[in-house]
Structures are given as structure tokens and as C-alpha cells.
Amino acid sequence: MNLEQTTDRLILRILSADDAEKVLQFYKDNAAIFEQFEPLVGNDFYSLEHQKNLLTYEYQEILKLHMLRFWIFEKDNPDRIIGTVSFHNISPNIYSSAQLGYKMDQHFWRKGYCYEAIKAGIRIVSGDIGIRRYEALVLPDNTPSICLLKKLGFHKEGLLVDKVFLQNRWRDHYLYGYIVPKM
């Protein structure tokens, strides 16, 4: 698998600990938005050392094909992270499934970048690893994310009650699923 893939407008890269400053800036720039949708992070999350450790851990998990994270860059600005698309809990063979995660810098919403990156990511993971089923969790009131998943061809499969602890309380999540069409 290549460490860098491209789409019409984007570069999708697998990063190493050497890129921790870019990742840290991405998270700092979007902390107020991301923290609404993700579990609480530790006090050291917004430190360079923590991001280096996370990138090192993720890279090791990528080598084992347990997960895959692409960091998203515009072709016209290949040094600034604008988002990420990740595939985790990769389970090849009899399950042939993975969970999808994504986030975009708030300044790049509604440009179709997340759609473009996810489509490319699914194509890569399906082709290189053979995954055919993808799942995504989304808060019931996250209308933009629900619209994105529907546009990608995901279907709502159910409600997971008290699935994730967010903002000091247990929150329900919808489960969306997508099966790659047979070729």
C-alpha cells in the first residue's frame, strides 16, 4: 500500500511521528468542534509528545492492518492538514469489515472534500485489504454527517443506546452500514 494516494483535488497521506506538529495544529485549530463529537481527551492530548506517540502507535497498527488513517491535504496546499479519514477495527477474512471515522477542519466543510476522501479511502481499503463492509457511528442530531453517509451509500441499520460517553453523559448513536457492490 502506498503511503500517499491522490484524488482529483486531494492528497491522502499516511503520516509518521515526524508530522506531529502538523497534526497537533490540526487538532488545536478544531478543538471546539471535535470535542463535541468525541470522547474526552487527556490533558496531554494537545502536546507535541502525545501526538508523536499517537502517530507512532497508529503506524504500528497500520503495519499490522488493524487500522489505517489517511490525513487529508489539498493538492494546492500539501503542507496543511484539512482532515482525516480512518478505518479501524479492520477485520478481514470472514467478517471483511471495518469501522469508518472522519473529521474535517471547519474551514473546509461543504466543499465535498470529506466525500471525496472517504470514497477514495473505501476504494483503497477494499482493493488492497479486501474489506467489503463498512460501519459508521453518528450522533442522531449530527445532520451533516448523516447526509454525508447517505450520499456515500450508507444505510441506517439501527440505534445503539448509550453507545459512547460524550460531554459527561452517555449518548446514543445511529449505526450506518455500507456494503461494497460486487464487481
Protein backbone atom coordinates (compact mmCIF):
# COMPACT_ATOMS: atom_id res chain seq x y z
CA MET A 1 0.00 0.00 0.00
CA ASN A 2 1.33 3.42 -0.90
CA LEU A 3 1.90 5.98 1.84
CA GLU A 4 0.33 8.61 -0.41
CA GLN A 5 -2.73 8.48 -2.63
CA THR A 6 -4.34 11.24 -4.68
CA THR A 7 -7.80 12.18 -5.86
CA ASP A 8 -8.85 14.98 -8.20
CA ARG A 9 -8.30 17.65 -5.54
CA LEU A 10 -6.71 15.90 -2.57
CA ILE A 11 -3.67 14.10 -1.28
CA LEU A 12 -4.29 11.30 1.24
CA ARG A 13 -1.20 10.51 3.30
CA ILE A 14 -0.19 8.08 5.99
CA LEU A 15 1.87 10.14 8.42
CA SER A 16 4.69 9.34 10.82
CA ALA A 17 5.78 10.88 14.11
CA ASP A 18 7.80 13.39 12.08
CA ASP A 19 4.49 15.03 11.13
CA ALA A 20 3.29 15.54 14.72
CA GLU A 21 3.44 19.35 14.53
CA LYS A 22 1.00 19.40 11.58
CA VAL A 23 -1.34 17.00 13.38
CA LEU A 24 -1.18 19.00 16.61
CA GLN A 25 -2.03 22.21 14.75
CA PHE A 26 -4.99 20.49 13.04
CA TYR A 27 -6.39 19.39 16.41
CA LYS A 28 -5.77 22.74 18.10
CA ASP A 29 -7.45 24.63 15.24
CA ASN A 30 -10.57 22.46 15.56
CA ALA A 31 -10.68 21.54 19.26
CA ALA A 32 -14.01 23.26 19.98
CA ILE A 33 -15.72 21.42 17.13
CA PHE A 34 -14.13 17.99 17.53
CA GLU A 35 -14.69 17.83 21.28
CA GLN A 36 -18.46 17.96 20.68
CA PHE A 37 -18.33 14.63 18.86
CA GLU A 38 -15.53 12.70 20.52
CA PRO A 39 -14.80 11.30 23.98
CA LEU A 40 -12.86 13.48 26.37
CA VAL A 41 -9.16 13.62 25.67
CA GLY A 42 -6.47 13.65 28.32
CA ASN A 43 -4.72 16.81 29.46
CA ASP A 44 -1.69 15.96 27.35
CA PHE A 45 -3.60 15.39 24.08
CA TYR A 46 -2.68 18.86 22.84
CA SER A 47 1.04 18.29 23.31
CA LEU A 48 3.60 17.52 20.64
CA GLU A 49 4.86 14.50 22.56
CA HIS A 50 1.38 12.97 22.77
CA GLN A 51 0.80 13.42 19.05
CA LYS A 52 4.18 11.84 18.25
CA ASN A 53 3.24 8.86 20.41
CA LEU A 54 -0.17 8.54 18.75
CA LEU A 55 1.32 8.68 15.26
CA THR A 56 3.92 6.06 16.20
CA TYR A 57 1.22 3.80 17.64
CA GLU A 58 -1.03 4.27 14.61
CA TYR A 59 1.81 3.49 12.23
CA GLN A 60 2.45 0.20 14.06
CA GLU A 61 -1.25 -0.63 13.85
CA ILE A 62 -1.25 0.17 10.13
CA LEU A 63 1.64 -2.25 9.59
CA LYS A 64 -0.46 -4.97 11.27
CA LEU A 65 -3.51 -3.94 9.17
CA HIS A 66 -5.54 -3.30 12.32
CA MET A 67 -6.29 0.24 11.21
CA LEU A 68 -5.50 2.75 8.51
CA ARG A 69 -5.59 6.53 8.76
CA PHE A 70 -5.20 8.90 5.86
CA TRP A 71 -4.54 12.55 6.61
CA ILE A 72 -6.12 14.82 4.02
CA PHE A 73 -4.33 17.68 2.26
CA GLU A 74 -5.36 19.87 -0.65
CA LYS A 75 -3.18 19.35 -3.71
CA ASP A 76 -2.75 23.14 -3.85
CA ASN A 77 -1.58 23.26 -0.21
CA PRO A 78 0.21 19.97 0.55
CA ASP A 79 1.60 21.09 3.91
CA ARG A 80 -1.62 21.81 5.83
CA ILE A 81 -3.85 19.02 7.13
CA ILE A 82 -7.51 19.69 6.37
CA GLY A 83 -8.97 16.42 7.60
CA THR A 84 -8.60 12.75 8.24
CA VAL A 85 -10.38 9.57 7.23
CA SER A 86 -9.68 6.41 9.18
CA PHE A 87 -10.60 2.77 9.05
CA HIS A 88 -10.28 0.96 12.35
CA ASN A 89 -11.24 -2.41 13.78
CA ILE A 90 -10.27 -3.82 10.41
CA SER A 91 -11.36 -7.44 10.37
CA PRO A 92 -10.54 -9.23 7.12
CA ASN A 93 -11.47 -12.79 6.24
CA ILE A 94 -14.87 -13.98 7.50
CA TYR A 95 -16.09 -10.56 8.67
CA SER A 96 -14.43 -8.48 5.95
CA SER A 97 -15.41 -5.29 7.77
CA ALA A 98 -14.04 -2.03 9.13
CA GLN A 99 -15.34 0.99 11.03
CA LEU A 100 -15.11 4.36 9.36
CA GLY A 101 -14.13 7.59 11.10
CA TYR A 102 -13.62 11.04 9.63
CA LYS A 103 -13.23 14.67 10.55
CA MET A 104 -12.60 17.85 8.61
CA ASP A 105 -11.18 21.22 9.51
CA GLN A 106 -14.18 23.50 9.97
CA HIS A 107 -12.85 25.89 7.30
CA PHE A 108 -13.17 23.14 4.68
CA TRP A 109 -16.72 21.96 5.31
CA ARG A 110 -19.24 21.78 2.49
CA LYS A 111 -16.66 21.57 -0.27
CA GLY A 112 -17.10 17.85 -0.94
CA TYR A 113 -13.63 17.05 0.38
CA CYS A 114 -14.77 14.57 3.02
CA TYR A 115 -16.94 12.76 0.46
CA GLU A 116 -14.03 12.62 -1.98
CA ALA A 117 -11.59 11.35 0.66
CA ILE A 118 -13.95 8.68 2.04
CA LYS A 119 -14.77 7.38 -1.45
CA ALA A 120 -11.05 7.10 -2.21
CA GLY A 121 -10.35 5.51 1.18
CA ILE A 122 -13.04 2.87 0.71
CA ARG A 123 -11.72 2.11 -2.78
CA ILE A 124 -8.18 1.69 -1.41
CA VAL A 125 -9.14 -0.42 1.62
CA SER A 126 -11.50 -2.59 -0.41
CA GLY A 127 -8.90 -3.11 -3.14
CA ASP A 128 -5.78 -3.57 -1.02
CA ILE A 129 -7.23 -5.38 2.02
CA GLY A 130 -10.42 -6.85 0.58
CA ILE A 131 -12.85 -5.21 3.01
CA ARG A 132 -16.44 -5.25 1.77
CA ARG A 133 -18.50 -3.95 4.73
CA TYR A 134 -18.06 -0.56 6.40
CA GLU A 135 -19.78 0.75 9.51
CA ALA A 136 -20.03 4.28 10.85
CA LEU A 137 -21.43 5.63 14.12
CA VAL A 138 -23.10 9.03 14.16
CA LEU A 139 -24.94 11.08 16.76
CA PRO A 140 -28.65 11.31 15.90
CA ASP A 141 -28.50 15.12 15.80
CA ASN A 142 -25.44 15.29 13.53
CA THR A 143 -27.41 16.04 10.39
CA PRO A 144 -24.43 16.98 8.17
CA SER A 145 -22.70 13.67 8.93
CA ILE A 146 -25.91 11.70 8.34
CA CYS A 147 -26.35 13.44 4.98
CA LEU A 148 -22.74 12.63 4.05
CA LEU A 149 -23.15 8.96 4.93
CA LYS A 150 -26.37 8.71 2.91
CA LYS A 151 -24.70 10.39 -0.08
CA LEU A 152 -21.92 7.79 0.17
CA GLY A 153 -24.50 4.99 0.03
CA PHE A 154 -24.59 4.08 3.74
CA HIS A 155 -27.90 2.92 5.21
CA LYS A 156 -29.13 3.33 8.77
CA GLU A 157 -29.14 -0.06 10.45
CA GLY A 158 -30.25 0.86 13.93
CA LEU A 159 -29.85 2.83 17.12
CA LEU A 160 -27.15 1.93 19.63
CA VAL A 161 -28.39 3.13 23.02
CA ASP A 162 -25.85 4.72 25.37
CA LYS A 163 -23.04 3.79 22.98
CA VAL A 164 -20.41 6.48 23.72
CA PHE A 165 -19.64 8.65 26.74
CA LEU A 166 -19.53 12.23 25.39
CA GLN A 167 -19.77 15.58 27.14
CA ASN A 168 -20.16 13.91 30.55
CA ARG A 169 -23.07 11.66 29.58
CA TRP A 170 -23.84 8.50 27.64
CA ARG A 171 -25.03 9.25 24.11
CA ASP A 172 -26.99 7.19 21.62
CA HIS A 173 -25.54 6.70 18.15
CA TYR A 174 -27.02 5.55 14.89
CA LEU A 175 -25.21 2.68 13.19
CA TYR A 176 -24.83 3.12 9.45
CA GLY A 177 -23.57 0.37 7.16
CA TYR A 178 -22.27 0.18 3.62
CA ILE A 179 -21.52 -2.91 1.55
CA VAL A 180 -19.20 -2.52 -1.43
CA PRO A 181 -21.08 -3.54 -4.59
CA LYS A 182 -19.89 -6.70 -6.30
CA MET A 183 -17.83 -6.00 -9.36
